[in-house]
Amino acid sequence: KILSKFRWPFFLGYVASLYVFFTLPSEDLPEAVFYANDNLLHFLAFLLLTLFSFQAFFPSRFSFFCREAGGKAAAFSAFYGAFLEWAQRGVPGRTGSFSDWVFDLLGVFLAVVIFRFSRLTKLVVRLD
């Protein structure tokens, strides 16, 4: 119950941190980032973003967010990924890339699969 009070601040903080990280000039990035697989980082960042979006949108007391929360979370994450790739175009040493966005979308897709599977298993448990 206590954690549910912090789902929106946590979600918004994660969204803001992604923006900051994705729009830092390349010379300001930590050296460890250059040793990591860029595609894997995009995949994991958007897998987490989508899961956090589900958590923020789904158990909300606002009816707009409760209906079709999974689709809204996935759409938000996909559009946010496209926005971040577009925003990188003007950052020194960074480029927006379609392949990065594809890996963002793969992370979103896996999160949707996880979300749908967890919702189906909860439904099956309730029916038993």
N, C-alpha and C. Protein backbone atom coordinates (compact mmCIF):
# COMPACT_ATOMS: atom_id res chain seq x y z
N LYS A 1 0.83 -1.20 0.00
CA LYS A 1 0.00 0.00 0.00
C LYS A 1 0.87 1.26 0.00
N ILE A 2 1.93 1.27 0.76
CA ILE A 2 2.80 2.44 0.84
C ILE A 2 3.47 2.69 -0.51
N LEU A 3 3.93 1.61 -1.15
CA LEU A 3 4.59 1.77 -2.45
C LEU A 3 3.66 2.33 -3.50
N SER A 4 2.36 2.05 -3.39
CA SER A 4 1.43 2.56 -4.40
C SER A 4 1.34 4.09 -4.36
N LYS A 5 1.65 4.70 -3.22
CA LYS A 5 1.64 6.16 -3.12
C LYS A 5 2.77 6.78 -3.92
N PHE A 6 3.83 6.02 -4.13
CA PHE A 6 5.01 6.56 -4.79
C PHE A 6 5.13 6.14 -6.25
N ARG A 7 4.11 5.46 -6.79
CA ARG A 7 4.25 4.96 -8.17
C ARG A 7 4.35 6.10 -9.18
N TRP A 8 3.58 7.17 -9.01
CA TRP A 8 3.64 8.29 -9.96
C TRP A 8 4.95 9.08 -9.83
N PRO A 9 5.37 9.45 -8.60
CA PRO A 9 6.67 10.14 -8.52
C PRO A 9 7.82 9.28 -9.04
N PHE A 10 7.79 7.99 -8.76
CA PHE A 10 8.85 7.10 -9.24
C PHE A 10 8.83 7.04 -10.77
N PHE A 11 7.64 6.87 -11.34
CA PHE A 11 7.49 6.81 -12.79
C PHE A 11 7.98 8.11 -13.44
N LEU A 12 7.54 9.25 -12.92
CA LEU A 12 7.94 10.54 -13.49
C LEU A 12 9.44 10.79 -13.32
N GLY A 13 9.99 10.35 -12.19
CA GLY A 13 11.43 10.46 -11.99
C GLY A 13 12.21 9.62 -12.98
N TYR A 14 11.71 8.42 -13.28
CA TYR A 14 12.38 7.56 -14.25
C TYR A 14 12.30 8.18 -15.65
N VAL A 15 11.15 8.72 -16.01
CA VAL A 15 10.99 9.38 -17.31
C VAL A 15 11.98 10.54 -17.42
N ALA A 16 12.06 11.35 -16.37
CA ALA A 16 12.99 12.49 -16.39
C ALA A 16 14.44 12.03 -16.47
N SER A 17 14.79 10.97 -15.74
CA SER A 17 16.17 10.50 -15.77
C SER A 17 16.53 9.94 -17.14
N LEU A 18 15.58 9.29 -17.82
CA LEU A 18 15.85 8.83 -19.19
C LEU A 18 16.12 10.02 -20.10
N TYR A 19 15.34 11.07 -19.96
CA TYR A 19 15.55 12.25 -20.79
C TYR A 19 16.94 12.82 -20.57
N VAL A 20 17.32 12.97 -19.31
CA VAL A 20 18.63 13.53 -18.99
C VAL A 20 19.73 12.64 -19.54
N PHE A 21 19.64 11.34 -19.32
CA PHE A 21 20.68 10.43 -19.77
C PHE A 21 20.78 10.38 -21.28
N PHE A 22 19.64 10.35 -21.97
CA PHE A 22 19.64 10.23 -23.42
C PHE A 22 20.03 11.53 -24.13
N THR A 23 19.98 12.65 -23.43
CA THR A 23 20.33 13.91 -24.08
C THR A 23 21.63 14.51 -23.55
N LEU A 24 22.39 13.74 -22.78
CA LEU A 24 23.72 14.20 -22.37
C LEU A 24 24.66 14.16 -23.57
N PRO A 25 25.49 15.16 -23.72
CA PRO A 25 26.52 15.08 -24.77
C PRO A 25 27.44 13.88 -24.50
N SER A 26 27.95 13.29 -25.55
CA SER A 26 28.72 12.05 -25.41
C SER A 26 29.92 12.21 -24.49
N GLU A 27 30.53 13.40 -24.45
CA GLU A 27 31.71 13.56 -23.59
C GLU A 27 31.34 13.60 -22.11
N ASP A 28 30.06 13.81 -21.79
CA ASP A 28 29.61 13.83 -20.40
C ASP A 28 29.13 12.47 -19.90
N LEU A 29 29.05 11.49 -20.79
CA LEU A 29 28.57 10.16 -20.39
C LEU A 29 29.64 9.43 -19.59
N PRO A 30 29.21 8.62 -18.62
CA PRO A 30 30.18 7.80 -17.88
C PRO A 30 30.91 6.84 -18.82
N GLU A 31 32.17 6.57 -18.54
CA GLU A 31 32.97 5.72 -19.42
C GLU A 31 32.40 4.32 -19.54
N ALA A 32 31.74 3.84 -18.49
CA ALA A 32 31.18 2.48 -18.51
C ALA A 32 30.14 2.31 -19.60
N VAL A 33 29.45 3.40 -19.97
CA VAL A 33 28.42 3.33 -21.01
C VAL A 33 29.02 2.90 -22.34
N PHE A 34 30.24 3.32 -22.60
CA PHE A 34 30.86 3.00 -23.89
C PHE A 34 31.24 1.52 -24.00
N TYR A 35 31.38 0.85 -22.86
CA TYR A 35 31.71 -0.57 -22.89
C TYR A 35 30.46 -1.45 -22.94
N ALA A 36 29.32 -0.86 -22.67
CA ALA A 36 28.07 -1.62 -22.70
C ALA A 36 27.52 -1.65 -24.12
N ASN A 37 26.68 -2.62 -24.39
CA ASN A 37 26.02 -2.74 -25.68
C ASN A 37 24.89 -1.71 -25.73
N ASP A 38 24.98 -0.78 -26.65
CA ASP A 38 23.98 0.30 -26.78
C ASP A 38 22.58 -0.26 -26.99
N ASN A 39 22.46 -1.26 -27.83
CA ASN A 39 21.14 -1.84 -28.09
C ASN A 39 20.56 -2.49 -26.84
N LEU A 40 21.39 -3.16 -26.07
CA LEU A 40 20.93 -3.78 -24.84
C LEU A 40 20.47 -2.72 -23.85
N LEU A 41 21.20 -1.61 -23.76
CA LEU A 41 20.79 -0.53 -22.86
C LEU A 41 19.44 0.05 -23.27
N HIS A 42 19.24 0.26 -24.57
CA HIS A 42 17.94 0.75 -25.04
C HIS A 42 16.83 -0.23 -24.71
N PHE A 43 17.07 -1.51 -24.97
CA PHE A 43 16.09 -2.56 -24.71
C PHE A 43 15.69 -2.57 -23.23
N LEU A 44 16.68 -2.60 -22.34
CA LEU A 44 16.39 -2.66 -20.91
C LEU A 44 15.74 -1.38 -20.39
N ALA A 45 16.19 -0.22 -20.87
CA ALA A 45 15.61 1.04 -20.42
C ALA A 45 14.12 1.11 -20.75
N PHE A 46 13.74 0.65 -21.94
CA PHE A 46 12.33 0.76 -22.33
C PHE A 46 11.48 -0.41 -21.84
N LEU A 47 12.10 -1.53 -21.56
CA LEU A 47 11.40 -2.60 -20.85
C LEU A 47 10.99 -2.08 -19.48
N LEU A 48 11.93 -1.48 -18.76
CA LEU A 48 11.62 -0.93 -17.44
C LEU A 48 10.63 0.23 -17.52
N LEU A 49 10.81 1.12 -18.49
CA LEU A 49 9.89 2.25 -18.62
C LEU A 49 8.45 1.75 -18.81
N THR A 50 8.27 0.76 -19.65
CA THR A 50 6.93 0.26 -19.92
C THR A 50 6.35 -0.43 -18.69
N LEU A 51 7.16 -1.21 -17.98
CA LEU A 51 6.67 -1.85 -16.76
C LEU A 51 6.31 -0.81 -15.70
N PHE A 52 7.12 0.23 -15.57
CA PHE A 52 6.80 1.30 -14.62
C PHE A 52 5.54 2.05 -15.07
N SER A 53 5.38 2.20 -16.38
CA SER A 53 4.17 2.85 -16.90
C SER A 53 2.93 2.04 -16.57
N PHE A 54 3.01 0.72 -16.74
CA PHE A 54 1.88 -0.14 -16.36
C PHE A 54 1.53 0.07 -14.90
N GLN A 55 2.56 0.09 -14.06
CA GLN A 55 2.35 0.24 -12.63
C GLN A 55 1.72 1.58 -12.32
N ALA A 56 2.15 2.62 -13.00
CA ALA A 56 1.60 3.96 -12.75
C ALA A 56 0.19 4.09 -13.30
N PHE A 57 -0.05 3.59 -14.51
CA PHE A 57 -1.34 3.79 -15.16
C PHE A 57 -2.41 2.81 -14.68
N PHE A 58 -2.05 1.58 -14.37
CA PHE A 58 -3.08 0.55 -14.15
C PHE A 58 -3.85 0.70 -12.84
N PRO A 59 -3.17 0.71 -11.69
CA PRO A 59 -3.98 0.74 -10.46
C PRO A 59 -4.34 2.15 -10.02
N SER A 60 -4.66 2.99 -10.97
CA SER A 60 -4.94 4.39 -10.66
C SER A 60 -6.40 4.58 -10.28
N ARG A 61 -6.63 5.57 -9.46
CA ARG A 61 -8.02 5.88 -9.11
C ARG A 61 -8.71 6.72 -10.19
N PHE A 62 -7.94 7.16 -11.18
CA PHE A 62 -8.51 7.92 -12.28
C PHE A 62 -8.98 6.95 -13.36
N SER A 63 -10.25 6.94 -13.67
CA SER A 63 -10.80 5.94 -14.58
C SER A 63 -10.19 6.02 -15.98
N PHE A 64 -9.76 7.21 -16.40
CA PHE A 64 -9.15 7.35 -17.72
C PHE A 64 -7.92 6.48 -17.83
N PHE A 65 -7.12 6.42 -16.76
CA PHE A 65 -5.89 5.66 -16.79
C PHE A 65 -6.14 4.17 -16.59
N CYS A 66 -7.18 3.79 -15.90
CA CYS A 66 -7.42 2.37 -15.62
C CYS A 66 -7.82 1.60 -16.87
N ARG A 67 -8.67 2.17 -17.68
CA ARG A 67 -9.10 1.49 -18.90
C ARG A 67 -7.96 1.40 -19.90
N GLU A 68 -7.70 0.22 -20.35
CA GLU A 68 -6.66 0.00 -21.36
C GLU A 68 -5.30 0.54 -20.94
N ALA A 69 -4.97 0.32 -19.68
CA ALA A 69 -3.69 0.85 -19.18
C ALA A 69 -2.51 0.23 -19.93
N GLY A 70 -2.59 -1.03 -20.27
CA GLY A 70 -1.50 -1.68 -20.98
C GLY A 70 -1.21 -1.03 -22.32
N GLY A 71 -2.25 -0.76 -23.08
CA GLY A 71 -2.07 -0.10 -24.37
C GLY A 71 -1.56 1.31 -24.22
N LYS A 72 -2.06 2.03 -23.21
CA LYS A 72 -1.59 3.40 -22.99
C LYS A 72 -0.14 3.42 -22.55
N ALA A 73 0.25 2.48 -21.71
CA ALA A 73 1.64 2.42 -21.25
C ALA A 73 2.57 2.09 -22.42
N ALA A 74 2.16 1.14 -23.25
CA ALA A 74 2.99 0.77 -24.40
C ALA A 74 3.08 1.92 -25.40
N ALA A 75 1.96 2.58 -25.66
CA ALA A 75 1.97 3.70 -26.60
C ALA A 75 2.82 4.84 -26.06
N PHE A 76 2.68 5.14 -24.78
CA PHE A 76 3.50 6.20 -24.19
C PHE A 76 4.98 5.87 -24.35
N SER A 77 5.36 4.65 -24.02
CA SER A 77 6.77 4.26 -24.08
C SER A 77 7.31 4.31 -25.51
N ALA A 78 6.52 3.85 -26.47
CA ALA A 78 6.95 3.87 -27.87
C ALA A 78 7.14 5.31 -28.36
N PHE A 79 6.17 6.17 -28.06
CA PHE A 79 6.28 7.57 -28.49
C PHE A 79 7.40 8.29 -27.75
N TYR A 80 7.60 7.96 -26.49
CA TYR A 80 8.68 8.59 -25.73
C TYR A 80 10.04 8.17 -26.30
N GLY A 81 10.15 6.91 -26.71
CA GLY A 81 11.39 6.45 -27.35
C GLY A 81 11.66 7.22 -28.63
N ALA A 82 10.62 7.41 -29.45
CA ALA A 82 10.78 8.18 -30.69
C ALA A 82 11.16 9.62 -30.38
N PHE A 83 10.53 10.20 -29.36
CA PHE A 83 10.86 11.57 -28.96
C PHE A 83 12.32 11.68 -28.53
N LEU A 84 12.79 10.73 -27.73
CA LEU A 84 14.18 10.79 -27.26
C LEU A 84 15.17 10.65 -28.42
N GLU A 85 14.85 9.79 -29.38
CA GLU A 85 15.73 9.66 -30.54
C GLU A 85 15.75 10.96 -31.33
N TRP A 86 14.60 11.61 -31.46
CA TRP A 86 14.53 12.90 -32.15
C TRP A 86 15.31 13.96 -31.37
N ALA A 87 15.18 13.96 -30.03
CA ALA A 87 15.85 14.96 -29.20
C ALA A 87 17.37 14.82 -29.26
N GLN A 88 17.88 13.63 -29.52
CA GLN A 88 19.32 13.40 -29.57
C GLN A 88 19.96 14.03 -30.81
N ARG A 89 19.16 14.36 -31.80
CA ARG A 89 19.72 14.91 -33.05
C ARG A 89 20.50 16.19 -32.82
N GLY A 90 20.12 17.00 -31.86
CA GLY A 90 20.79 18.27 -31.62
C GLY A 90 21.83 18.23 -30.51
N VAL A 91 22.13 17.05 -29.99
CA VAL A 91 23.07 16.93 -28.88
C VAL A 91 24.46 16.61 -29.43
N PRO A 92 25.47 17.36 -29.03
CA PRO A 92 26.83 17.11 -29.53
C PRO A 92 27.30 15.68 -29.23
N GLY A 93 27.77 15.00 -30.26
CA GLY A 93 28.29 13.65 -30.11
C GLY A 93 27.23 12.56 -30.06
N ARG A 94 25.97 12.93 -30.19
CA ARG A 94 24.87 11.95 -30.15
C ARG A 94 24.11 12.03 -31.45
N THR A 95 23.52 10.92 -31.84
CA THR A 95 22.67 10.89 -33.04
C THR A 95 21.41 10.09 -32.73
N GLY A 96 20.31 10.53 -33.26
CA GLY A 96 19.08 9.75 -33.18
C GLY A 96 19.15 8.63 -34.21
N SER A 97 18.74 7.45 -33.83
CA SER A 97 18.90 6.31 -34.72
C SER A 97 17.62 5.48 -34.76
N PHE A 98 17.22 5.07 -35.95
CA PHE A 98 16.05 4.21 -36.09
C PHE A 98 16.30 2.86 -35.42
N SER A 99 17.52 2.34 -35.53
CA SER A 99 17.81 1.03 -34.92
C SER A 99 17.71 1.11 -33.38
N ASP A 100 18.09 2.24 -32.80
CA ASP A 100 17.92 2.39 -31.35
C ASP A 100 16.44 2.36 -30.99
N TRP A 101 15.61 3.01 -31.80
CA TRP A 101 14.18 3.01 -31.54
C TRP A 101 13.59 1.61 -31.69
N VAL A 102 14.10 0.84 -32.63
CA VAL A 102 13.64 -0.55 -32.78
C VAL A 102 13.92 -1.33 -31.49
N PHE A 103 15.09 -1.13 -30.91
CA PHE A 103 15.39 -1.83 -29.66
C PHE A 103 14.54 -1.29 -28.50
N ASP A 104 14.19 0.00 -28.54
CA ASP A 104 13.23 0.53 -27.58
C ASP A 104 11.91 -0.22 -27.70
N LEU A 105 11.46 -0.38 -28.94
CA LEU A 105 10.18 -1.06 -29.19
C LEU A 105 10.22 -2.53 -28.79
N LEU A 106 11.36 -3.19 -28.96
CA LEU A 106 11.48 -4.58 -28.52
C LEU A 106 11.35 -4.67 -27.00
N GLY A 107 11.91 -3.71 -26.28
CA GLY A 107 11.73 -3.67 -24.83
C GLY A 107 10.28 -3.44 -24.45
N VAL A 108 9.61 -2.54 -25.18
CA VAL A 108 8.18 -2.29 -24.94
C VAL A 108 7.38 -3.57 -25.20
N PHE A 109 7.69 -4.26 -26.29
CA PHE A 109 6.97 -5.49 -26.64
C PHE A 109 7.12 -6.55 -25.54
N LEU A 110 8.34 -6.76 -25.06
CA LEU A 110 8.53 -7.76 -24.00
C LEU A 110 7.77 -7.36 -22.74
N ALA A 111 7.75 -6.08 -22.41
CA ALA A 111 7.00 -5.62 -21.25
C ALA A 111 5.51 -5.90 -21.42
N VAL A 112 4.98 -5.70 -22.63
CA VAL A 112 3.57 -5.99 -22.90
C VAL A 112 3.30 -7.48 -22.70
N VAL A 113 4.19 -8.32 -23.19
CA VAL A 113 4.03 -9.77 -23.01
C VAL A 113 4.03 -10.11 -21.53
N ILE A 114 4.96 -9.55 -20.78
CA ILE A 114 5.01 -9.80 -19.33
C ILE A 114 3.73 -9.32 -18.66
N PHE A 115 3.28 -8.12 -19.03
CA PHE A 115 2.07 -7.55 -18.44
C PHE A 115 0.84 -8.41 -18.76
N ARG A 116 0.69 -8.78 -20.01
CA ARG A 116 -0.46 -9.59 -20.41
C ARG A 116 -0.43 -10.95 -19.73
N PHE A 117 0.74 -11.56 -19.66
CA PHE A 117 0.84 -12.86 -19.02
C PHE A 117 0.49 -12.76 -17.54
N SER A 118 0.98 -11.72 -16.87
CA SER A 118 0.68 -11.57 -15.45
C SER A 118 -0.81 -11.29 -15.23
N ARG A 119 -1.43 -10.51 -16.12
CA ARG A 119 -2.87 -10.24 -16.00
C ARG A 119 -3.68 -11.50 -16.24
N LEU A 120 -3.27 -12.33 -17.23
CA LEU A 120 -3.98 -13.57 -17.51
C LEU A 120 -3.84 -14.56 -16.37
N THR A 121 -2.65 -14.66 -15.79
CA THR A 121 -2.48 -15.60 -14.69
C THR A 121 -3.28 -15.16 -13.47
N LYS A 122 -3.39 -13.86 -13.23
CA LYS A 122 -4.22 -13.38 -12.12
C LYS A 122 -5.70 -13.69 -12.38
N LEU A 123 -6.13 -13.57 -13.63
CA LEU A 123 -7.51 -13.87 -13.98
C LEU A 123 -7.79 -15.36 -13.79
N VAL A 124 -6.89 -16.22 -14.21
CA VAL A 124 -7.07 -17.66 -14.06
C VAL A 124 -7.12 -18.04 -12.59
N VAL A 125 -6.27 -17.43 -11.79
CA VAL A 125 -6.26 -17.73 -10.35
C VAL A 125 -7.60 -17.30 -9.73
N ARG A 126 -8.14 -16.16 -10.15
CA ARG A 126 -9.41 -15.68 -9.61
C ARG A 126 -10.57 -16.60 -10.02
N LEU A 127 -10.48 -17.20 -11.21
CA LEU A 127 -11.57 -18.07 -11.68
C LEU A 127 -11.57 -19.42 -10.99
N ASP A 128 -10.43 -19.85 -10.48
CA ASP A 128 -10.36 -21.17 -9.80
C ASP A 128 -10.98 -21.17 -8.45
